[in-house]
């Protein structure tokens, strides 16, 4: 009976630990409450439940890229090429975007301008208080 009791306690502890893990993983996010709330608000404005569901599953880095950095990226890239009309930050790989705490997003992207699509790497500085992008700097790959 003692062995059964010990096994029962071990299983119970494992279940409690697994149940607590998602909360732990979520709490380990570097984003501030205001950043998280801004992302949630933006995702909530998406047109369809399917779109909202997909966006809610994105990594924090992808959410920050889409909601906070991409609008500023488009604005800044238009300064160097007025024909820039599309900007993508990141791709389908997890290595394409890297969130550095709650103040910097780094990664790769593409912009469509007068000469077609161009690849670049970028740094997007974030304001943790206002949940907005402070600055966006792109470094374009040289053309061959």
N, C-alpha and C. Protein backbone atom coordinates (compact mmCIF):
# COMPACT_ATOMS: atom_id res chain seq x y z
N UNK A 1 0.82 -1.19 0.00
CA UNK A 1 0.00 0.00 0.00
C UNK A 1 0.87 1.25 0.00
N UNK A 2 1.97 1.26 0.71
CA UNK A 2 2.84 2.42 0.78
C UNK A 2 3.43 2.72 -0.58
N UNK A 3 3.77 1.64 -1.33
CA UNK A 3 4.33 1.85 -2.66
C UNK A 3 3.28 2.49 -3.57
N UNK A 4 2.05 2.06 -3.51
CA UNK A 4 0.95 2.61 -4.30
C UNK A 4 0.73 4.08 -3.94
N UNK A 5 0.81 4.39 -2.66
CA UNK A 5 0.65 5.77 -2.20
C UNK A 5 1.77 6.65 -2.75
N UNK A 6 3.00 6.15 -2.76
CA UNK A 6 4.15 6.89 -3.27
C UNK A 6 4.00 7.12 -4.77
N UNK A 7 3.57 6.09 -5.50
CA UNK A 7 3.36 6.22 -6.94
C UNK A 7 2.27 7.24 -7.23
N UNK A 8 1.20 7.18 -6.46
CA UNK A 8 0.09 8.11 -6.63
C UNK A 8 0.57 9.56 -6.42
N UNK A 9 1.35 9.78 -5.39
CA UNK A 9 1.87 11.12 -5.12
C UNK A 9 2.81 11.59 -6.23
N UNK A 10 3.63 10.69 -6.74
CA UNK A 10 4.56 11.04 -7.82
C UNK A 10 3.78 11.42 -9.09
N UNK A 11 2.75 10.64 -9.41
CA UNK A 11 1.92 10.97 -10.58
C UNK A 11 1.20 12.29 -10.39
N UNK A 12 0.68 12.51 -9.21
CA UNK A 12 -0.01 13.76 -8.91
C UNK A 12 0.95 14.95 -9.06
N UNK A 13 2.16 14.79 -8.56
CA UNK A 13 3.17 15.85 -8.67
C UNK A 13 3.51 16.12 -10.14
N UNK A 14 3.61 15.06 -10.95
CA UNK A 14 3.91 15.21 -12.37
C UNK A 14 2.78 15.94 -13.09
N UNK A 15 1.54 15.59 -12.76
CA UNK A 15 0.38 16.24 -13.38
C UNK A 15 0.35 17.71 -13.01
N UNK A 16 0.58 18.02 -11.75
CA UNK A 16 0.59 19.41 -11.31
C UNK A 16 1.72 20.17 -12.01
N UNK A 17 2.87 19.55 -12.13
CA UNK A 17 4.01 20.20 -12.80
C UNK A 17 3.70 20.45 -14.26
N UNK A 18 3.09 19.49 -14.96
CA UNK A 18 2.77 19.67 -16.37
C UNK A 18 1.69 20.74 -16.54
N UNK A 19 0.73 20.77 -15.64
CA UNK A 19 -0.32 21.77 -15.73
C UNK A 19 0.24 23.17 -15.49
N UNK A 20 1.23 23.27 -14.64
CA UNK A 20 1.82 24.57 -14.33
C UNK A 20 2.79 25.03 -15.41
N UNK A 21 3.33 24.11 -16.22
CA UNK A 21 4.34 24.47 -17.20
C UNK A 21 3.86 25.52 -18.20
N UNK A 22 2.65 25.40 -18.82
CA UNK A 22 2.26 26.45 -19.76
C UNK A 22 2.21 27.83 -19.10
N UNK A 23 1.76 27.90 -17.89
CA UNK A 23 1.72 29.19 -17.20
C UNK A 23 3.14 29.70 -16.98
N UNK A 24 4.06 28.80 -16.65
CA UNK A 24 5.44 29.20 -16.47
C UNK A 24 6.02 29.71 -17.78
N UNK A 25 5.75 28.98 -18.87
CA UNK A 25 6.29 29.39 -20.16
C UNK A 25 5.75 30.76 -20.56
N UNK A 26 4.47 31.00 -20.30
CA UNK A 26 3.88 32.28 -20.65
C UNK A 26 4.47 33.40 -19.79
N UNK A 27 4.68 33.13 -18.51
CA UNK A 27 5.23 34.14 -17.61
C UNK A 27 6.67 34.47 -17.94
N UNK A 28 7.38 33.59 -18.65
CA UNK A 28 8.78 33.84 -18.94
C UNK A 28 8.96 34.78 -20.14
N UNK A 29 7.87 35.24 -20.73
CA UNK A 29 7.95 36.17 -21.85
C UNK A 29 8.60 37.47 -21.40
N UNK A 30 9.47 38.03 -22.23
CA UNK A 30 10.11 39.30 -21.86
C UNK A 30 9.20 40.51 -22.04
N UNK A 31 8.04 40.34 -22.65
CA UNK A 31 7.18 41.48 -22.94
C UNK A 31 6.53 42.04 -21.68
N UNK A 32 6.33 43.35 -21.69
CA UNK A 32 5.65 44.01 -20.57
C UNK A 32 4.15 43.79 -20.69
N UNK A 33 3.43 44.09 -19.62
CA UNK A 33 1.97 43.97 -19.67
C UNK A 33 1.39 44.88 -20.75
N UNK A 34 1.90 46.10 -20.88
CA UNK A 34 1.35 47.01 -21.89
C UNK A 34 1.63 46.49 -23.31
N UNK A 35 2.79 45.88 -23.53
CA UNK A 35 3.09 45.30 -24.84
C UNK A 35 2.15 44.13 -25.12
N UNK A 36 1.97 43.27 -24.15
CA UNK A 36 1.10 42.11 -24.32
C UNK A 36 -0.35 42.56 -24.58
N UNK A 37 -0.81 43.56 -23.86
CA UNK A 37 -2.17 44.07 -24.06
C UNK A 37 -2.33 44.68 -25.45
N UNK A 38 -1.33 45.41 -25.92
CA UNK A 38 -1.39 46.01 -27.26
C UNK A 38 -1.46 44.92 -28.33
N UNK A 39 -0.68 43.86 -28.15
CA UNK A 39 -0.72 42.76 -29.10
C UNK A 39 -2.08 42.08 -29.09
N UNK A 40 -2.61 41.83 -27.89
CA UNK A 40 -3.93 41.20 -27.78
C UNK A 40 -5.01 42.05 -28.42
N UNK A 41 -4.95 43.38 -28.21
CA UNK A 41 -5.94 44.28 -28.82
C UNK A 41 -5.87 44.21 -30.34
N UNK A 42 -4.65 44.25 -30.87
CA UNK A 42 -4.47 44.23 -32.33
C UNK A 42 -4.97 42.91 -32.92
N UNK A 43 -4.66 41.82 -32.27
CA UNK A 43 -5.12 40.51 -32.76
C UNK A 43 -6.64 40.44 -32.69
N UNK A 44 -7.21 41.04 -31.66
CA UNK A 44 -8.67 41.05 -31.52
C UNK A 44 -9.38 41.81 -32.62
N UNK A 45 -8.69 42.68 -33.34
CA UNK A 45 -9.32 43.45 -34.42
C UNK A 45 -9.30 42.71 -35.75
N UNK A 46 -8.63 41.57 -35.81
CA UNK A 46 -8.60 40.84 -37.07
C UNK A 46 -10.01 40.39 -37.45
N UNK A 47 -10.27 40.35 -38.74
CA UNK A 47 -11.62 40.18 -39.26
C UNK A 47 -12.30 38.86 -38.91
N UNK A 48 -11.59 37.76 -39.05
CA UNK A 48 -12.26 36.47 -38.86
C UNK A 48 -11.71 35.74 -37.64
N UNK A 49 -12.52 34.86 -37.06
CA UNK A 49 -12.02 34.04 -35.94
C UNK A 49 -10.81 33.19 -36.35
N UNK A 50 -10.80 32.72 -37.59
CA UNK A 50 -9.66 31.91 -38.05
C UNK A 50 -8.38 32.74 -38.05
N UNK A 51 -8.48 33.99 -38.54
CA UNK A 51 -7.30 34.87 -38.54
C UNK A 51 -6.84 35.15 -37.11
N UNK A 52 -7.79 35.43 -36.23
CA UNK A 52 -7.45 35.70 -34.82
C UNK A 52 -6.79 34.48 -34.19
N UNK A 53 -7.28 33.28 -34.52
CA UNK A 53 -6.71 32.06 -33.96
C UNK A 53 -5.28 31.85 -34.45
N UNK A 54 -5.05 32.03 -35.74
CA UNK A 54 -3.70 31.87 -36.29
C UNK A 54 -2.74 32.87 -35.64
N UNK A 55 -3.14 34.14 -35.59
CA UNK A 55 -2.26 35.18 -35.03
C UNK A 55 -1.99 34.95 -33.55
N UNK A 56 -2.96 34.43 -32.82
CA UNK A 56 -2.74 34.21 -31.39
C UNK A 56 -1.74 33.08 -31.14
N UNK A 57 -1.50 32.23 -32.13
CA UNK A 57 -0.54 31.14 -32.00
C UNK A 57 0.88 31.54 -32.39
N UNK A 58 1.05 32.74 -32.97
CA UNK A 58 2.38 33.19 -33.36
C UNK A 58 3.26 33.33 -32.13
N UNK A 59 4.56 33.26 -32.35
CA UNK A 59 5.52 33.55 -31.27
C UNK A 59 5.42 35.03 -30.91
N UNK A 60 5.92 35.38 -29.74
CA UNK A 60 5.95 36.80 -29.34
C UNK A 60 6.72 37.63 -30.36
N UNK A 61 7.83 37.08 -30.88
CA UNK A 61 8.63 37.82 -31.85
C UNK A 61 7.82 38.11 -33.11
N UNK A 62 7.06 37.15 -33.60
CA UNK A 62 6.24 37.36 -34.80
C UNK A 62 5.13 38.36 -34.53
N UNK A 63 4.51 38.28 -33.35
CA UNK A 63 3.46 39.25 -33.00
C UNK A 63 4.03 40.66 -32.96
N UNK A 64 5.19 40.83 -32.34
CA UNK A 64 5.84 42.15 -32.27
C UNK A 64 6.19 42.63 -33.67
N UNK A 65 6.71 41.74 -34.51
CA UNK A 65 7.06 42.11 -35.88
C UNK A 65 5.85 42.64 -36.64
N UNK A 66 4.75 41.92 -36.57
CA UNK A 66 3.56 42.29 -37.34
C UNK A 66 2.86 43.52 -36.79
N UNK A 67 2.70 43.58 -35.48
CA UNK A 67 1.88 44.63 -34.87
C UNK A 67 2.67 45.92 -34.61
N UNK A 68 3.87 45.79 -34.08
CA UNK A 68 4.62 46.99 -33.67
C UNK A 68 5.63 47.47 -34.71
N UNK A 69 6.34 46.54 -35.34
CA UNK A 69 7.45 46.95 -36.20
C UNK A 69 7.09 47.13 -37.68
N UNK A 70 6.23 46.30 -38.23
CA UNK A 70 5.96 46.37 -39.67
C UNK A 70 5.40 47.72 -40.11
N UNK A 71 4.45 48.34 -39.37
CA UNK A 71 3.97 49.66 -39.82
C UNK A 71 5.10 50.70 -39.90
N UNK A 72 5.99 50.72 -38.91
CA UNK A 72 7.11 51.66 -38.94
C UNK A 72 8.10 51.26 -40.04
N UNK A 73 8.29 49.97 -40.26
CA UNK A 73 9.20 49.50 -41.31
C UNK A 73 8.74 50.03 -42.67
N UNK A 74 7.46 49.91 -42.96
CA UNK A 74 6.93 50.39 -44.24
C UNK A 74 7.17 51.89 -44.38
N UNK A 75 6.89 52.62 -43.33
CA UNK A 75 7.09 54.08 -43.34
C UNK A 75 8.55 54.43 -43.58
N UNK A 76 9.46 53.79 -42.86
CA UNK A 76 10.89 54.09 -42.99
C UNK A 76 11.44 53.66 -44.35
N UNK A 77 11.01 52.51 -44.86
CA UNK A 77 11.52 52.03 -46.14
C UNK A 77 11.02 52.89 -47.30
N UNK A 78 9.84 53.49 -47.16
CA UNK A 78 9.33 54.41 -48.18
C UNK A 78 10.21 55.66 -48.28
N UNK A 79 10.93 55.99 -47.24
CA UNK A 79 11.83 57.16 -47.29
C UNK A 79 12.99 56.92 -48.24
N UNK A 80 13.43 55.67 -48.35
CA UNK A 80 14.55 55.35 -49.24
C UNK A 80 14.07 54.95 -50.63
N UNK A 81 12.82 54.47 -50.74
CA UNK A 81 12.24 54.10 -52.03
C UNK A 81 10.73 54.32 -51.93
N UNK A 82 10.26 55.40 -52.51
CA UNK A 82 8.84 55.76 -52.40
C UNK A 82 7.91 54.69 -52.97
N UNK A 83 8.43 53.79 -53.79
CA UNK A 83 7.61 52.74 -54.40
C UNK A 83 7.44 51.51 -53.50
N UNK A 84 8.08 51.49 -52.35
CA UNK A 84 7.91 50.34 -51.45
C UNK A 84 6.44 50.28 -51.03
N UNK A 85 5.82 49.12 -51.32
CA UNK A 85 4.41 48.97 -50.98
C UNK A 85 4.12 47.73 -50.14
N UNK A 86 5.09 46.83 -50.01
CA UNK A 86 4.91 45.62 -49.21
C UNK A 86 6.18 45.35 -48.42
N UNK A 87 5.99 44.93 -47.17
CA UNK A 87 7.13 44.58 -46.31
C UNK A 87 6.76 43.31 -45.56
N UNK A 88 7.67 42.37 -45.55
CA UNK A 88 7.53 41.16 -44.74
C UNK A 88 8.68 41.13 -43.75
N UNK A 89 8.37 40.88 -42.49
CA UNK A 89 9.40 40.72 -41.46
C UNK A 89 9.37 39.27 -41.02
N UNK A 90 10.52 38.62 -41.14
CA UNK A 90 10.60 37.21 -40.79
C UNK A 90 10.11 36.33 -41.92
N UNK A 91 10.20 35.03 -41.69
CA UNK A 91 9.68 34.04 -42.63
C UNK A 91 9.14 32.87 -41.82
N UNK A 92 9.04 31.67 -42.43
CA UNK A 92 8.45 30.55 -41.67
C UNK A 92 9.42 29.91 -40.69
N UNK A 93 10.66 30.35 -40.65
CA UNK A 93 11.61 29.74 -39.71
C UNK A 93 11.66 30.53 -38.41
N UNK A 94 11.88 29.83 -37.33
CA UNK A 94 11.94 30.50 -36.02
C UNK A 94 13.21 31.35 -35.87
N UNK A 95 14.22 31.12 -36.71
CA UNK A 95 15.48 31.87 -36.61
C UNK A 95 15.40 33.23 -37.30
N UNK A 96 14.33 33.51 -38.04
CA UNK A 96 14.29 34.75 -38.81
C UNK A 96 13.95 35.98 -37.97
N UNK A 97 13.44 35.78 -36.76
CA UNK A 97 13.11 36.88 -35.85
C UNK A 97 13.65 36.56 -34.47
N UNK A 98 14.24 37.55 -33.82
CA UNK A 98 14.79 37.35 -32.49
C UNK A 98 14.43 38.53 -31.59
N UNK A 99 13.67 38.23 -30.56
CA UNK A 99 13.25 39.24 -29.59
C UNK A 99 14.32 39.33 -28.51
N UNK A 100 14.90 40.51 -28.34
CA UNK A 100 15.95 40.75 -27.34
C UNK A 100 15.30 41.49 -26.17
N UNK A 101 14.82 40.74 -25.21
CA UNK A 101 14.13 41.36 -24.09
C UNK A 101 12.85 42.00 -24.58
N UNK A 102 12.50 43.14 -24.01
CA UNK A 102 11.29 43.84 -24.45
C UNK A 102 11.62 45.16 -25.15
N UNK A 103 12.90 45.30 -25.60
CA UNK A 103 13.31 46.56 -26.21
C UNK A 103 13.82 46.46 -27.64
N UNK A 104 14.10 45.25 -28.15
CA UNK A 104 14.66 45.13 -29.50
C UNK A 104 14.14 43.86 -30.18
N UNK A 105 13.77 44.02 -31.45
CA UNK A 105 13.48 42.89 -32.32
C UNK A 105 14.46 42.95 -33.47
N UNK A 106 15.16 41.85 -33.72
CA UNK A 106 16.09 41.76 -34.83
C UNK A 106 15.64 40.65 -35.75
N UNK A 107 16.01 40.77 -37.02
CA UNK A 107 15.65 39.70 -37.93
C UNK A 107 15.94 40.02 -39.37
N UNK A 108 15.31 39.24 -40.24
CA UNK A 108 15.44 39.44 -41.68
C UNK A 108 14.07 39.74 -42.26
N UNK A 109 14.08 40.33 -43.43
CA UNK A 109 12.82 40.67 -44.07
C UNK A 109 12.99 40.91 -45.55
N UNK A 110 11.88 41.27 -46.18
CA UNK A 110 11.86 41.58 -47.60
C UNK A 110 10.97 42.79 -47.81
N UNK A 111 11.35 43.60 -48.80
CA UNK A 111 10.54 44.76 -49.17
C UNK A 111 10.40 44.78 -50.69
N UNK A 112 9.18 45.12 -51.15
CA UNK A 112 8.95 45.24 -52.59
C UNK A 112 8.92 46.72 -52.95
N UNK A 113 9.86 47.10 -53.81
CA UNK A 113 9.96 48.49 -54.24
C UNK A 113 10.08 48.59 -55.74
N UNK A 114 10.65 49.70 -56.21
CA UNK A 114 10.70 49.96 -57.66
C UNK A 114 11.54 48.93 -58.42
N UNK A 115 12.50 48.30 -57.77
CA UNK A 115 13.34 47.31 -58.47
C UNK A 115 12.98 45.88 -58.09
N UNK A 116 11.80 45.68 -57.52
CA UNK A 116 11.37 44.33 -57.14
C UNK A 116 11.63 44.06 -55.66
N UNK A 117 11.68 42.79 -55.33
CA UNK A 117 11.86 42.37 -53.94
C UNK A 117 13.33 42.44 -53.56
N UNK A 118 13.58 42.98 -52.36
CA UNK A 118 14.96 43.04 -51.83
C UNK A 118 14.98 42.48 -50.42
N UNK A 119 16.01 41.72 -50.11
CA UNK A 119 16.20 41.15 -48.77
C UNK A 119 16.97 42.13 -47.90
N UNK A 120 16.66 42.11 -46.62
CA UNK A 120 17.37 42.97 -45.68
C UNK A 120 17.39 42.33 -44.30
N UNK A 121 18.27 42.81 -43.46
CA UNK A 121 18.23 42.49 -42.04
C UNK A 121 17.82 43.77 -41.34
N UNK A 122 17.27 43.65 -40.15
CA UNK A 122 16.76 44.85 -39.49
C UNK A 122 16.92 44.78 -37.98
N UNK A 123 16.83 45.96 -37.39
CA UNK A 123 16.73 46.14 -35.95
C UNK A 123 15.56 47.08 -35.72
N UNK A 124 14.65 46.66 -34.87
CA UNK A 124 13.49 47.48 -34.52
C UNK A 124 13.56 47.73 -33.01
N UNK A 125 13.73 48.99 -32.63
CA UNK A 125 13.79 49.35 -31.21
C UNK A 125 12.37 49.55 -30.69
N UNK A 126 12.07 48.99 -29.53
CA UNK A 126 10.73 49.01 -28.95
C UNK A 126 10.70 49.84 -27.67
N UNK A 127 9.56 50.48 -27.44
CA UNK A 127 9.34 51.20 -26.19
C UNK A 127 8.45 50.31 -25.32
N UNK A 128 9.00 49.74 -24.24
CA UNK A 128 8.22 48.83 -23.40
C UNK A 128 7.03 49.50 -22.71
N UNK A 129 7.10 50.82 -22.51
CA UNK A 129 6.03 51.54 -21.82
C UNK A 129 4.83 51.78 -22.73
N UNK A 130 5.11 52.27 -23.96
CA UNK A 130 4.02 52.63 -24.88
C UNK A 130 3.62 51.49 -25.80
N UNK A 131 4.41 50.42 -25.83
CA UNK A 131 4.16 49.26 -26.69
C UNK A 131 4.17 49.66 -28.17
N UNK A 132 5.09 50.56 -28.51
CA UNK A 132 5.24 51.02 -29.90
C UNK A 132 6.69 50.87 -30.32
N UNK A 133 6.91 50.83 -31.63
CA UNK A 133 8.26 50.81 -32.16
C UNK A 133 8.84 52.23 -32.09
N UNK A 134 10.06 52.34 -31.58
CA UNK A 134 10.73 53.64 -31.51
C UNK A 134 11.47 53.97 -32.80
N UNK A 135 12.14 52.94 -33.34
CA UNK A 135 12.91 53.15 -34.57
C UNK A 135 13.02 51.84 -35.33
N UNK A 136 13.28 51.97 -36.62
CA UNK A 136 13.46 50.80 -37.49
C UNK A 136 14.63 51.09 -38.41
N UNK A 137 15.60 50.19 -38.40
CA UNK A 137 16.79 50.34 -39.25
C UNK A 137 16.96 49.08 -40.08
N UNK A 138 16.99 49.25 -41.42
CA UNK A 138 17.17 48.13 -42.34
C UNK A 138 18.54 48.21 -43.00
N UNK A 139 19.15 47.06 -43.20
CA UNK A 139 20.42 46.95 -43.91
C UNK A 139 20.18 46.00 -45.09
N UNK A 140 20.15 46.57 -46.31
CA UNK A 140 19.86 45.76 -47.49
C UNK A 140 21.07 44.96 -47.92
N UNK A 141 20.78 43.74 -48.40
CA UNK A 141 21.84 42.90 -48.97
C UNK A 141 22.26 43.53 -50.29
N UNK A 142 23.55 43.43 -50.59
CA UNK A 142 24.03 44.00 -51.85
C UNK A 142 23.55 43.13 -53.00
N UNK A 143 23.29 43.79 -54.10
CA UNK A 143 22.85 43.07 -55.31
C UNK A 143 24.06 42.60 -56.09
N UNK A 144 23.91 41.45 -56.71
CA UNK A 144 25.04 40.90 -57.49
C UNK A 144 24.87 41.21 -58.94
